[in-house]
Amino acid sequence: MNDTQLIHTMMSLESDGSLPEVTLLFSNDINKFGAISSIIHDSNPNLHTSIWDESIKSDVSCKGMSKKELCNRLSDGHHILIRELGAIPDLGMSIFENGLSFDFRTGLHWSQPAVNEFISFLKHLVKRFDVIKITLDDEGEFFAPEDIEFFNLKMNRG
């Protein structure tokens, strides 16, 4: 397994509506919320829809919120769609105790530059925000075991 094979796997998986995830665990909440703030400010979160609030099991409107207000509003149990993060296709971002997960659709919209940028984005988060563990597809539903092992070793080497 190498980078090219991982890229090919992300690009060639059929999109059946299921969403593989990359999960990041942080050393503390300060780093987790620092990462959230950085992601929101570097992207175009979908402010015209809503965030899922797990605590009330309902959507909460983001209409009219600034990025700063959104950052202050996000907490554990929320999910938001992140758009326009460079060449990276849309990502769903879930926030939970000690971590974040990014869900994404597989398929042809994952060009080689998009996959490379996604890996660079994740490595940036690992280095800047003290990520203590990062994993791809924890459940092993989408990627072959050797692909998951390769990704996890690559990302956790720092």
Protein backbone atom coordinates (compact mmCIF):
# COMPACT_ATOMS: atom_id res chain seq x y z
CA MET A 1 0.00 0.00 0.00
CA ASN A 2 1.25 3.48 -0.85
CA ASP A 3 -0.18 6.98 -1.27
CA THR A 4 -1.24 6.31 -4.86
CA GLN A 5 -3.17 3.19 -3.87
CA LEU A 6 -4.92 5.03 -1.01
CA ILE A 7 -5.89 7.84 -3.39
CA HIS A 8 -7.19 5.31 -5.91
CA THR A 9 -9.27 3.62 -3.19
CA MET A 10 -10.89 6.90 -2.08
CA MET A 11 -11.65 7.83 -5.69
CA SER A 12 -12.94 4.47 -6.83
CA LEU A 13 -15.23 3.45 -3.98
CA GLU A 14 -18.84 3.52 -5.10
CA SER A 15 -20.88 6.13 -3.26
CA ASP A 16 -23.99 4.36 -1.97
CA GLY A 17 -24.85 7.14 0.45
CA SER A 18 -22.78 5.66 3.28
CA LEU A 19 -20.14 7.94 4.72
CA PRO A 20 -16.69 6.74 5.81
CA GLU A 21 -15.16 8.72 8.66
CA VAL A 22 -11.80 9.98 9.80
CA THR A 23 -11.74 10.40 13.58
CA LEU A 24 -9.35 12.65 15.53
CA LEU A 25 -8.84 12.46 19.30
CA PHE A 26 -7.32 15.53 20.97
CA SER A 27 -5.26 15.87 24.13
CA ASN A 28 -7.76 18.38 25.54
CA ASP A 29 -10.79 20.54 24.72
CA ILE A 30 -8.68 23.67 24.18
CA ASN A 31 -6.98 21.97 21.22
CA LYS A 32 -10.26 20.49 19.96
CA PHE A 33 -12.03 23.86 19.94
CA GLY A 34 -8.92 25.53 18.47
CA ALA A 35 -9.13 23.07 15.58
CA ILE A 36 -12.85 23.74 15.15
CA SER A 37 -12.25 27.48 15.04
CA SER A 38 -9.45 27.07 12.48
CA ILE A 39 -11.60 24.83 10.27
CA ILE A 40 -14.61 27.17 10.39
CA HIS A 41 -12.49 30.23 9.59
CA ASP A 42 -10.64 28.49 6.71
CA SER A 43 -13.78 27.11 5.06
CA ASN A 44 -17.27 28.06 4.06
CA PRO A 45 -19.49 26.22 6.53
CA ASN A 46 -23.01 25.82 5.30
CA LEU A 47 -24.55 28.68 7.27
CA HIS A 48 -27.78 28.58 5.31
CA THR A 49 -28.91 25.29 6.79
CA SER A 50 -28.53 24.04 10.33
CA ILE A 51 -26.38 22.18 12.79
CA TRP A 52 -27.54 18.94 14.35
CA ASP A 53 -27.75 19.30 18.12
CA GLU A 54 -27.62 15.83 19.65
CA SER A 55 -28.64 17.10 23.11
CA ILE A 56 -32.07 18.14 21.84
CA LYS A 57 -32.18 15.67 18.92
CA SER A 58 -33.00 18.48 16.52
CA ASP A 59 -31.60 20.85 13.90
CA VAL A 60 -30.73 24.40 14.97
CA SER A 61 -30.74 27.11 12.28
CA CYS A 62 -27.44 28.76 11.40
CA LYS A 63 -29.10 31.42 9.27
CA GLY A 64 -27.55 34.81 9.88
CA MET A 65 -24.76 33.50 12.14
CA SER A 66 -21.26 34.85 11.64
CA LYS A 67 -18.37 32.38 11.68
CA LYS A 68 -17.47 33.66 15.17
CA GLU A 69 -21.02 33.07 16.44
CA LEU A 70 -21.01 29.61 14.90
CA CYS A 71 -17.70 28.73 16.59
CA ASN A 72 -19.09 29.89 19.92
CA ARG A 73 -22.25 27.83 19.37
CA LEU A 74 -20.65 24.52 18.38
CA SER A 75 -20.17 21.95 21.11
CA ASP A 76 -20.21 18.21 21.70
CA GLY A 77 -23.08 16.53 19.90
CA HIS A 78 -23.18 18.98 16.99
CA HIS A 79 -22.68 18.14 13.30
CA ILE A 80 -22.11 20.68 10.51
CA LEU A 81 -21.35 20.56 6.80
CA ILE A 82 -17.97 22.10 5.91
CA ARG A 83 -17.67 23.42 2.35
CA GLU A 84 -14.97 25.04 0.26
CA LEU A 85 -11.99 23.89 2.27
CA GLY A 86 -9.60 24.30 -0.65
CA ALA A 87 -9.94 21.44 -3.15
CA ILE A 88 -11.41 19.09 -0.53
CA PRO A 89 -14.98 17.93 -1.27
CA ASP A 90 -17.68 18.69 1.32
CA LEU A 91 -17.05 17.17 4.75
CA GLY A 92 -19.49 16.55 7.56
CA MET A 93 -17.88 17.46 10.91
CA SER A 94 -19.18 15.86 14.11
CA ILE A 95 -18.02 17.07 17.51
CA PHE A 96 -17.83 14.73 20.46
CA GLU A 97 -16.04 14.46 23.80
CA ASN A 98 -12.29 14.68 23.15
CA GLY A 99 -12.64 14.63 19.38
CA LEU A 100 -13.95 15.35 15.92
CA SER A 101 -14.91 13.11 13.07
CA PHE A 102 -15.15 13.99 9.40
CA ASP A 103 -17.55 12.02 7.23
CA PHE A 104 -17.30 12.18 3.46
CA ARG A 105 -18.71 10.72 0.29
CA THR A 106 -16.36 8.60 -1.76
CA GLY A 107 -16.21 8.67 -5.54
CA LEU A 108 -14.80 10.45 -8.53
CA HIS A 109 -15.01 13.95 -6.97
CA TRP A 110 -11.96 12.87 -4.92
CA SER A 111 -9.27 13.81 -7.43
CA GLN A 112 -5.64 13.15 -6.62
CA PRO A 113 -5.11 16.83 -5.62
CA ALA A 114 -8.22 16.67 -3.37
CA VAL A 115 -6.97 13.55 -1.55
CA ASN A 116 -3.49 15.04 -1.18
CA GLU A 117 -4.97 18.25 0.23
CA PHE A 118 -7.19 16.26 2.63
CA ILE A 119 -4.15 14.37 3.95
CA SER A 120 -2.20 17.65 4.29
CA PHE A 121 -5.19 19.20 6.10
CA LEU A 122 -5.32 16.27 8.55
CA LYS A 123 -1.55 16.37 9.12
CA HIS A 124 -1.82 20.11 9.84
CA LEU A 125 -4.49 19.44 12.48
CA VAL A 126 -2.37 16.65 14.01
CA LYS A 127 0.68 18.91 14.36
CA ARG A 128 -1.00 22.18 15.32
CA PHE A 129 -3.68 20.96 17.71
CA ASP A 130 -2.05 18.06 19.55
CA VAL A 131 -4.10 15.24 18.03
CA ILE A 132 -3.19 12.12 20.00
CA LYS A 133 -4.83 9.63 17.63
CA ILE A 134 -6.30 9.69 14.14
CA THR A 135 -8.09 6.78 12.47
CA LEU A 136 -9.81 6.04 9.17
CA ASP A 137 -12.99 3.97 9.03
CA ASP A 138 -12.95 2.65 12.63
CA GLU A 139 -15.61 0.06 11.83
CA GLY A 140 -13.79 -1.31 8.75
CA GLU A 141 -16.93 -0.93 6.63
CA PHE A 142 -15.50 0.87 3.60
CA PHE A 143 -11.77 0.34 3.26
CA ALA A 144 -9.74 -2.85 3.15
CA PRO A 145 -7.82 -3.63 6.37
CA GLU A 146 -4.47 -2.94 4.69
CA ASP A 147 -5.71 0.49 3.49
CA ILE A 148 -6.84 1.39 7.01
CA GLU A 149 -3.57 0.19 8.53
CA PHE A 150 -1.53 2.17 5.97
CA PHE A 151 -3.53 5.37 6.60
CA ASN A 152 -3.41 5.02 10.39
CA LEU A 153 0.35 4.37 10.41
CA LYS A 154 1.01 7.25 8.01
CA MET A 155 -1.09 9.74 9.95
CA ASN A 156 0.02 8.72 13.44
CA ARG A 157 3.74 8.95 12.62
CA GLY A 158 3.55 12.73 12.67
